[in-house]
N, C-alpha and C. Protein backbone atom coordinates (compact mmCIF):
# COMPACT_ATOMS: atom_id res chain seq x y z
N MET A 1 104.93 196.85 36.74
CA MET A 1 104.80 196.65 35.85
C MET A 1 104.78 197.88 35.34
N ARG A 2 104.78 199.28 35.62
CA ARG A 2 105.28 200.30 34.88
C ARG A 2 106.17 200.54 34.00
N SER A 3 107.58 199.50 34.99
CA SER A 3 108.70 199.26 34.28
C SER A 3 109.13 198.62 33.15
N LEU A 4 108.26 197.80 32.92
CA LEU A 4 107.98 196.96 31.99
C LEU A 4 107.83 197.89 30.52
N ARG A 5 108.10 199.13 30.09
CA ARG A 5 107.75 200.14 29.40
C ARG A 5 108.88 200.73 29.49
N TYR A 6 109.85 200.26 29.57
CA TYR A 6 111.26 201.00 29.46
C TYR A 6 112.61 199.02 28.68
N VAL A 7 111.54 198.23 29.14
CA VAL A 7 112.73 197.27 28.27
C VAL A 7 112.70 197.32 26.97
N PRO A 8 111.40 197.82 25.75
CA PRO A 8 111.60 197.68 24.34
C PRO A 8 112.97 199.12 24.43
N LEU A 9 112.88 200.31 25.22
CA LEU A 9 114.09 201.28 25.18
C LEU A 9 115.45 200.66 25.72
N ALA A 10 115.34 200.09 26.14
CA ALA A 10 116.56 199.38 26.71
C ALA A 10 117.14 198.62 25.78
N ALA A 11 116.26 197.98 24.79
CA ALA A 11 116.65 197.21 23.33
C ALA A 11 117.42 198.16 22.51
N VAL A 12 116.42 199.16 22.44
CA VAL A 12 116.91 199.77 21.33
C VAL A 12 118.59 200.53 22.44
N VAL A 13 119.24 201.00 22.51
CA VAL A 13 119.62 201.48 23.93
C VAL A 13 120.92 200.83 23.26
N VAL A 14 120.94 199.17 24.03
CA VAL A 14 121.72 198.62 23.24
C VAL A 14 122.34 198.09 22.00
N ILE A 15 121.34 198.34 21.36
CA ILE A 15 121.78 198.29 19.49
C ILE A 15 122.19 199.80 19.17
N THR A 16 121.71 200.67 19.59
CA THR A 16 122.45 202.11 18.91
C THR A 16 123.89 202.05 19.67
N GLN A 17 124.18 201.34 21.21
CA GLN A 17 125.46 201.75 21.92
C GLN A 17 126.47 200.57 20.84
N VAL A 18 125.96 200.00 20.76
CA VAL A 18 127.59 198.82 20.05
C VAL A 18 127.26 198.68 18.26
N ALA A 19 125.67 199.52 17.33
CA ALA A 19 126.57 199.28 16.10
C ALA A 19 126.28 200.71 15.67
N LEU A 20 125.78 201.87 15.91
CA LEU A 20 125.99 203.15 15.71
C LEU A 20 127.59 203.67 16.35
N PHE A 21 127.29 203.65 17.63
CA PHE A 21 128.25 204.64 18.36
C PHE A 21 129.46 204.95 18.39
N PRO A 22 129.92 203.19 18.10
CA PRO A 22 131.83 203.00 17.54
C PRO A 22 131.86 204.01 15.99
N GLN A 23 131.07 204.34 15.68
CA GLN A 23 131.12 204.61 14.60
C GLN A 23 131.38 206.79 14.83
N LEU A 24 131.05 206.87 16.15
CA LEU A 24 130.56 208.31 15.72
C LEU A 24 131.47 208.68 17.49
N ARG A 25 132.58 208.38 17.55
CA ARG A 25 133.85 208.60 18.36
C ARG A 25 133.92 209.86 18.66
N ILE A 26 133.95 210.83 19.23
CA ILE A 26 134.51 212.05 19.54
C ILE A 26 135.72 211.98 20.40
N LEU A 27 136.61 212.40 20.34
CA LEU A 27 137.69 212.04 20.81
C LEU A 27 138.10 210.75 21.43
N GLY A 28 138.37 209.85 20.10
CA GLY A 28 138.57 208.24 20.17
C GLY A 28 137.35 207.55 21.66
N VAL A 29 136.51 208.58 21.95
CA VAL A 29 136.00 207.59 23.17
C VAL A 29 134.11 207.64 22.72
N VAL A 30 133.86 205.99 23.36
CA VAL A 30 132.15 206.30 22.99
C VAL A 30 131.34 206.37 24.10
N PRO A 31 130.07 207.20 24.00
CA PRO A 31 129.34 207.31 25.41
C PRO A 31 128.90 206.26 26.23
N ASP A 32 128.58 205.87 26.97
CA ASP A 32 127.89 205.17 28.09
C ASP A 32 126.34 205.20 27.60
N LEU A 33 125.93 204.97 26.18
CA LEU A 33 124.26 205.27 26.37
C LEU A 33 123.82 204.64 27.74
N GLY A 34 124.01 202.92 28.16
CA GLY A 34 123.33 201.99 28.72
C GLY A 34 123.68 202.79 30.44
N LEU A 35 124.43 203.41 30.73
CA LEU A 35 124.37 204.49 31.97
C LEU A 35 123.32 205.75 32.18
N LEU A 36 123.95 206.41 30.95
CA LEU A 36 122.56 207.76 30.93
C LEU A 36 121.06 206.79 30.63
N PHE A 37 120.59 205.67 29.89
CA PHE A 37 119.27 204.96 30.79
C PHE A 37 119.40 205.03 31.78
N ALA A 38 119.81 204.24 32.47
CA ALA A 38 120.10 203.75 33.26
C ALA A 38 119.62 204.84 34.72
N LEU A 39 120.51 205.70 35.01
CA LEU A 39 120.56 207.00 35.83
C LEU A 39 119.46 207.65 35.30
N ALA A 40 118.60 207.70 33.87
CA ALA A 40 117.38 208.38 33.61
C ALA A 40 116.30 207.66 34.59
N VAL A 41 116.69 206.14 34.22
CA VAL A 41 115.34 205.44 34.83
C VAL A 41 115.73 205.51 36.69
N ALA A 42 116.65 205.31 37.20
CA ALA A 42 117.00 205.54 38.39
C ALA A 42 116.45 207.11 38.85
N TRP A 43 116.75 208.13 38.14
CA TRP A 43 115.89 209.54 38.47
C TRP A 43 114.35 209.36 38.58
N TYR A 44 113.36 208.78 37.79
CA TYR A 44 112.50 208.70 37.63
C TYR A 44 111.39 207.40 38.43
N GLU A 45 111.48 206.36 38.34
CA GLU A 45 111.41 205.12 39.28
C GLU A 45 111.58 205.16 40.45
N GLY A 46 112.88 205.06 40.66
CA GLY A 46 114.09 204.86 42.13
C GLY A 46 114.70 204.25 42.10
N SER A 47 115.84 203.48 42.87
CA SER A 47 116.63 203.17 42.59
C SER A 47 117.39 201.71 42.08
N GLU A 48 115.55 200.85 42.75
CA GLU A 48 116.04 199.85 42.64
C GLU A 48 115.72 199.24 41.21
N THR A 49 114.26 200.47 41.18
CA THR A 49 114.35 200.25 39.54
C THR A 49 115.92 200.76 38.45
N GLY A 50 116.14 201.51 38.58
CA GLY A 50 117.26 202.01 37.92
C GLY A 50 118.55 200.91 38.45
N ALA A 51 118.44 200.24 38.95
CA ALA A 51 120.01 199.29 38.99
C ALA A 51 119.48 198.24 38.80
N VAL A 52 118.15 197.09 38.61
CA VAL A 52 117.80 196.52 37.33
C VAL A 52 118.25 196.34 36.67
N PHE A 53 117.64 197.71 36.08
CA PHE A 53 117.89 198.12 34.49
C PHE A 53 119.26 197.86 34.18
N GLY A 54 120.10 199.33 35.13
CA GLY A 54 121.54 199.42 35.14
C GLY A 54 121.87 197.88 34.40
N PHE A 55 122.03 197.30 35.55
CA PHE A 55 122.72 195.97 35.51
C PHE A 55 122.56 194.74 34.10
N PHE A 56 121.04 195.10 33.97
CA PHE A 56 120.76 193.49 32.25
C PHE A 56 121.23 194.65 30.94
N VAL A 57 121.01 195.90 31.35
CA VAL A 57 121.23 196.73 30.10
C VAL A 57 122.83 196.76 30.06
N GLY A 58 123.80 196.84 31.11
CA GLY A 58 125.51 197.01 31.52
C GLY A 58 125.39 195.32 31.18
N CYS A 59 125.17 193.94 31.10
CA CYS A 59 124.99 193.29 31.49
C CYS A 59 125.29 192.61 29.18
N ALA A 60 123.62 193.47 28.91
CA ALA A 60 123.44 193.25 27.57
C ALA A 60 124.96 193.49 26.78
N TYR A 61 125.11 194.82 27.52
CA TYR A 61 126.29 195.28 26.53
C TYR A 61 127.93 194.50 26.17
N ASP A 62 127.53 194.22 28.26
CA ASP A 62 129.44 193.20 27.95
C ASP A 62 129.87 192.15 27.06
N LEU A 63 128.27 192.20 26.50
CA LEU A 63 128.43 190.68 25.99
C LEU A 63 129.15 191.12 24.54
N PHE A 64 129.09 192.21 24.11
CA PHE A 64 130.01 193.17 23.10
C PHE A 64 131.06 193.18 23.57
N LEU A 65 131.72 193.12 24.66
CA LEU A 65 133.14 193.80 24.71
C LEU A 65 134.14 193.22 25.19
N THR A 66 135.32 193.29 25.47
CA THR A 66 136.56 191.91 26.04
C THR A 66 136.80 192.05 27.24
N THR A 67 136.12 193.31 27.95
CA THR A 67 136.25 192.86 29.60
C THR A 67 135.63 191.95 30.04
N PRO A 68 135.78 192.18 31.61
CA PRO A 68 135.64 190.37 31.87
C PRO A 68 133.51 190.56 32.38
N LEU A 69 132.88 190.17 31.92
CA LEU A 69 131.15 190.03 32.16
C LEU A 69 130.93 189.98 32.84
N GLY A 70 130.04 191.27 33.47
CA GLY A 70 128.66 191.99 33.84
C GLY A 70 129.60 192.91 35.12
N MET A 71 130.54 193.73 33.81
CA MET A 71 131.78 195.31 34.39
C MET A 71 130.59 195.91 34.37
N SER A 72 130.26 195.81 33.25
CA SER A 72 129.88 197.69 33.15
C SER A 72 128.30 197.43 33.74
N GLY A 73 127.79 195.71 33.77
CA GLY A 73 126.71 195.70 34.71
C GLY A 73 126.49 196.07 35.78
N LEU A 74 127.59 196.02 36.75
CA LEU A 74 127.88 196.11 37.78
C LEU A 74 128.09 197.95 38.20
N SER A 75 128.81 198.36 37.31
CA SER A 75 128.96 199.76 37.17
C SER A 75 127.95 200.44 36.96
N TYR A 76 126.83 200.53 35.91
CA TYR A 76 126.06 200.69 35.60
C TYR A 76 124.65 200.53 36.96
N ALA A 77 124.08 199.72 37.32
CA ALA A 77 123.47 199.30 38.82
C ALA A 77 124.10 200.15 39.66
N VAL A 78 125.22 200.36 40.22
CA VAL A 78 125.84 201.40 41.77
C VAL A 78 125.44 202.72 41.47
N CYS A 79 125.88 202.91 40.29
CA CYS A 79 125.07 204.26 39.93
C CYS A 79 123.82 204.80 39.79
N ALA A 80 123.52 203.65 38.92
CA ALA A 80 121.80 204.52 39.20
C ALA A 80 121.52 204.17 40.92
N TRP A 81 121.92 202.96 41.65
CA TRP A 81 121.09 202.92 42.83
C TRP A 81 121.61 204.30 43.42
N LEU A 82 123.23 204.86 43.09
CA LEU A 82 123.76 205.65 44.07
C LEU A 82 122.49 207.44 43.61
N LEU A 83 122.13 207.05 42.62
CA LEU A 83 121.62 208.63 42.16
C LEU A 83 119.85 208.30 43.06
N GLY A 84 119.38 207.27 41.94
CA GLY A 84 117.91 207.00 42.82
C GLY A 84 118.23 207.10 44.58
N PHE A 85 118.84 206.81 45.08
CA PHE A 85 118.88 206.73 46.47
C PHE A 85 119.10 208.16 47.14
N THR A 86 120.09 209.46 46.61
CA THR A 86 120.38 210.63 46.30
C THR A 86 119.48 211.38 46.20
N GLN A 87 118.11 211.07 45.28
CA GLN A 87 118.10 211.96 43.66
C GLN A 87 117.15 212.75 45.31
N GLY A 88 116.57 212.80 45.77
CA GLY A 88 115.34 213.57 47.15
C GLY A 88 116.07 214.21 47.76
N ALA A 89 117.78 214.20 47.57
CA ALA A 89 118.42 214.89 48.66
C ALA A 89 118.99 216.42 46.98
N ILE A 90 118.88 216.14 46.08
CA ILE A 90 119.15 217.06 45.14
C ILE A 90 117.93 218.18 45.25
N ALA A 91 118.72 219.41 46.10
CA ALA A 91 116.78 220.68 45.82
C ALA A 91 116.91 221.38 44.67
N ARG A 92 117.74 221.79 43.91
CA ARG A 92 117.42 222.33 42.94
C ARG A 92 117.64 221.77 41.82
N ARG A 93 116.30 221.95 40.72
CA ARG A 93 116.10 221.36 39.10
C ARG A 93 116.44 222.06 38.41
N SER A 94 117.51 221.79 37.58
CA SER A 94 117.75 222.70 35.96
C SER A 94 117.67 221.82 34.91
N ARG A 95 117.54 222.98 33.52
CA ARG A 95 118.37 221.71 32.89
C ARG A 95 119.64 221.47 32.44
N LEU A 96 120.24 222.42 33.15
CA LEU A 96 122.12 221.20 33.10
C LEU A 96 121.55 220.31 34.15
N LEU A 97 121.15 219.72 34.94
CA LEU A 97 121.12 218.78 35.95
C LEU A 97 121.57 217.48 34.87
N ALA A 98 120.80 217.52 34.29
CA ALA A 98 121.15 215.75 33.45
C ALA A 98 122.51 215.90 32.93
N ALA A 99 122.67 217.35 32.28
CA ALA A 99 123.76 217.32 31.87
C ALA A 99 124.88 216.77 33.22
N ALA A 100 124.67 217.87 34.26
CA ALA A 100 125.46 217.63 35.32
C ALA A 100 125.67 215.35 35.71
N ILE A 101 124.23 215.00 36.24
CA ILE A 101 124.09 213.68 36.52
C ILE A 101 125.13 212.52 35.41
N GLY A 102 125.07 213.01 34.14
CA GLY A 102 126.10 211.98 32.70
C GLY A 102 127.77 212.22 32.94
N LEU A 103 127.67 213.37 33.34
CA LEU A 103 128.83 213.89 34.08
C LEU A 103 129.72 212.92 34.96
N LEU A 104 128.97 213.56 36.57
CA LEU A 104 129.01 212.46 37.17
C LEU A 104 128.71 211.02 37.42
N GLY A 105 128.29 210.63 36.95
CA GLY A 105 127.38 209.38 36.51
C GLY A 105 128.67 208.37 35.97
N GLY A 106 129.34 209.00 34.85
CA GLY A 106 130.17 208.20 34.13
C GLY A 106 131.72 208.55 34.31
N ILE A 107 131.96 209.37 35.29
CA ILE A 107 133.16 209.63 36.53
C ILE A 107 133.19 208.07 37.23
N VAL A 108 132.19 208.08 38.24
CA VAL A 108 131.99 206.91 39.01
C VAL A 108 131.55 205.93 37.99
N SER A 109 131.15 205.75 37.34
CA SER A 109 130.86 204.39 36.42
C SER A 109 132.40 203.70 35.66
N GLY A 110 132.52 204.68 35.36
CA GLY A 110 134.33 205.14 34.54
C GLY A 110 135.27 203.92 35.77
N SER A 111 134.86 204.51 36.72
CA SER A 111 135.98 203.82 38.10
C SER A 111 135.30 202.94 38.49
N ILE A 112 134.47 202.99 38.57
CA ILE A 112 134.25 201.51 39.25
C ILE A 112 134.37 200.32 38.13
N PHE A 113 133.56 200.72 36.54
CA PHE A 113 134.04 199.33 35.48
C PHE A 113 135.62 198.62 35.88
N VAL A 114 136.42 200.26 35.77
CA VAL A 114 138.10 200.09 35.56
C VAL A 114 138.61 199.27 36.82
N ALA A 115 138.21 199.41 38.11
CA ALA A 115 138.81 198.93 39.20
C ALA A 115 138.10 197.58 38.87
N ALA A 116 136.82 197.43 39.18
CA ALA A 116 136.35 196.06 39.12
C ALA A 116 137.22 194.96 38.25
N SER A 117 137.38 195.70 37.25
CA SER A 117 137.59 195.46 35.79
C SER A 117 139.23 194.10 36.51
N ILE A 118 140.20 195.27 36.73
CA ILE A 118 141.05 195.18 37.24
C ILE A 118 141.46 193.66 38.38
N LEU A 119 140.70 194.47 39.48
CA LEU A 119 140.70 192.63 40.30
C LEU A 119 139.97 191.72 39.79
N ALA A 120 139.25 191.50 38.26
CA ALA A 120 139.00 190.03 38.03
C ALA A 120 139.72 189.55 36.70
N GLY A 121 140.68 191.01 36.80
CA GLY A 121 142.28 189.99 35.74
C GLY A 121 142.20 191.27 34.87
N ALA A 122 141.81 191.72 34.15
CA ALA A 122 142.06 192.51 33.06
C ALA A 122 143.12 193.68 33.43
N ASP A 123 144.18 192.88 32.84
CA ASP A 123 145.83 193.58 33.13
C ASP A 123 145.49 195.07 31.79
N GLN A 124 145.09 194.96 31.16
CA GLN A 124 144.79 196.08 29.85
C GLN A 124 144.72 197.21 30.26
N LEU A 125 143.31 197.54 31.62
CA LEU A 125 143.79 198.67 31.54
C LEU A 125 143.87 199.65 33.43
N GLN A 126 145.90 198.89 33.13
CA GLN A 126 146.41 199.05 33.93
C GLN A 126 147.28 200.47 33.69
N ARG A 127 146.66 201.28 33.32
CA ARG A 127 148.01 201.74 32.47
C ARG A 127 147.22 203.81 32.54
N PRO A 128 148.07 204.61 32.79
CA PRO A 128 147.49 206.30 33.11
C PRO A 128 146.76 206.70 32.39
N ALA A 129 146.86 205.99 30.94
CA ALA A 129 145.93 206.33 29.55
C ALA A 129 144.50 206.65 30.06
N VAL A 130 144.28 205.13 30.64
CA VAL A 130 142.71 204.71 31.25
C VAL A 130 142.16 206.41 32.33
N ILE A 131 142.54 206.81 32.62
CA ILE A 131 141.84 208.13 33.20
C ILE A 131 141.53 209.13 32.91
N GLY A 132 141.88 209.42 31.35
CA GLY A 132 141.66 210.23 30.11
C GLY A 132 140.61 209.97 29.38
N VAL A 133 140.72 208.63 29.32
CA VAL A 133 139.38 207.75 28.57
C VAL A 133 138.10 208.47 29.32
N ILE A 134 137.97 207.92 31.13
CA ILE A 134 137.05 208.03 32.03
C ILE A 134 136.21 209.17 31.96
N VAL A 135 137.31 210.50 31.92
CA VAL A 135 136.77 211.73 32.03
C VAL A 135 136.22 212.05 29.92
N LYS A 136 136.90 211.84 29.29
CA LYS A 136 136.01 211.91 27.95
C LYS A 136 134.88 211.07 27.75
N ALA A 137 134.65 209.76 28.04
CA ALA A 137 134.10 209.55 27.50
C ALA A 137 132.34 209.59 28.34
N ALA A 138 132.74 210.11 29.84
CA ALA A 138 132.17 210.75 31.13
C ALA A 138 131.43 212.81 29.93
N CYS A 139 132.32 212.98 29.10
CA CYS A 139 132.05 214.79 29.18
C CYS A 139 131.24 214.34 28.12
N TYR A 140 131.86 213.30 26.92
CA TYR A 140 130.42 212.51 25.47
C TYR A 140 128.73 212.54 26.34
N ASP A 141 128.98 211.41 27.75
CA ASP A 141 128.03 211.68 28.63
C ASP A 141 126.85 212.60 28.45
N ALA A 142 127.40 213.27 29.36
CA ALA A 142 126.97 215.02 29.52
C ALA A 142 126.47 215.39 28.21
N LEU A 143 127.14 215.48 27.44
CA LEU A 143 126.72 215.72 26.64
C LEU A 143 124.80 215.50 25.86
N LEU A 144 125.14 213.83 25.67
CA LEU A 144 123.65 212.55 25.80
C LEU A 144 122.95 212.72 26.47
N ALA A 145 122.90 213.14 27.86
CA ALA A 145 122.54 213.31 29.39
C ALA A 145 120.95 214.22 28.64
N PRO A 146 120.99 214.91 28.55
CA PRO A 146 119.54 215.61 28.18
C PRO A 146 118.42 214.74 27.40
N ALA A 147 119.99 214.04 26.24
CA ALA A 147 118.79 214.10 25.36
C ALA A 147 117.56 212.51 25.87
N LEU A 148 118.79 211.95 26.52
CA LEU A 148 118.11 210.76 27.08
C LEU A 148 117.78 210.90 28.12
N PHE A 149 117.31 211.32 29.43
CA PHE A 149 116.44 211.92 29.73
C PHE A 149 115.20 211.64 29.34
N GLY A 150 115.14 213.08 28.62
CA GLY A 150 114.07 213.54 27.30
C GLY A 150 113.04 212.04 27.44
N LEU A 151 114.31 211.04 26.44
CA LEU A 151 113.25 209.82 25.83
C LEU A 151 112.90 209.55 26.82
N VAL A 152 113.09 209.05 28.04
CA VAL A 152 112.60 208.12 29.16
C VAL A 152 111.08 209.16 29.55
N THR A 153 111.43 210.03 30.14
CA THR A 153 110.28 211.06 30.06
C THR A 153 108.57 211.00 28.73
N LEU A 154 109.52 210.43 27.68
CA LEU A 154 108.50 210.14 26.80
C LEU A 154 108.19 209.00 26.89
N VAL A 155 108.77 208.02 27.21
CA VAL A 155 108.03 206.24 27.58
C VAL A 155 107.85 206.29 28.29
N ARG A 156 107.84 207.52 29.96
CA ARG A 156 106.84 207.16 30.77
C ARG A 156 105.22 207.72 30.89
N GLY A 157 105.34 208.21 29.66
CA GLY A 157 104.15 208.87 29.01
C GLY A 157 103.62 210.56 29.98
N ARG A 158 104.39 210.21 30.97
CA ARG A 158 103.54 212.09 31.30
C ARG A 158 104.74 212.84 31.74
N ARG A 159 104.37 214.34 32.15
CA ARG A 159 105.44 214.97 31.91
C ARG A 159 106.15 214.97 34.04
N THR A 160 106.91 215.27 33.59
CA THR A 160 107.33 215.56 35.80
C THR A 160 107.90 216.32 35.97
N VAL A 161 107.97 216.54 37.21
CA VAL A 161 108.60 218.35 36.69
C VAL A 161 109.78 217.98 37.35
N GLY A 162 110.55 218.86 36.78
CA GLY A 162 111.55 218.69 38.05
C GLY A 162 112.83 218.87 36.74
N LEU A 163 113.04 217.62 36.68
CA LEU A 163 114.48 217.53 35.31
C LEU A 163 114.72 218.38 34.16
N LEU A 164 113.79 217.80 33.38
CA LEU A 164 113.33 218.96 31.88
C LEU A 164 112.51 219.48 31.95
């Protein structure tokens, strides 16, 4: 029940992703705000909650893309679940951890997205330049991750020990 407080933030994340960030491209790429949101939820609430929010936010974002429906949902959910599953094993917490999670999550999610989309028939992603796009978008994710993790912390309503 506590997780329902993330629903309005999820809506804001999707709207911001599709309405604002196409005009805020850096090096020709946009960040995956939905992925960062799912990772932050997984970090604070666990793997299952993060995966569920990742799937729904990703599917909502997919409605605005020309790639097969559900690919962002799949990649966000898998990455959020992996982070939630492994976060207990991360011993050292620092301010740079959110950026590192954003970078690694962006690379993993982008790779899953491209591989699954190619398997689903999106042949336009079978170019070597896609690797550069994944890396640049992951770097953009790393820049925004601390802010989005901070927003999720505010929505939680209490300060947590650890990441920020």
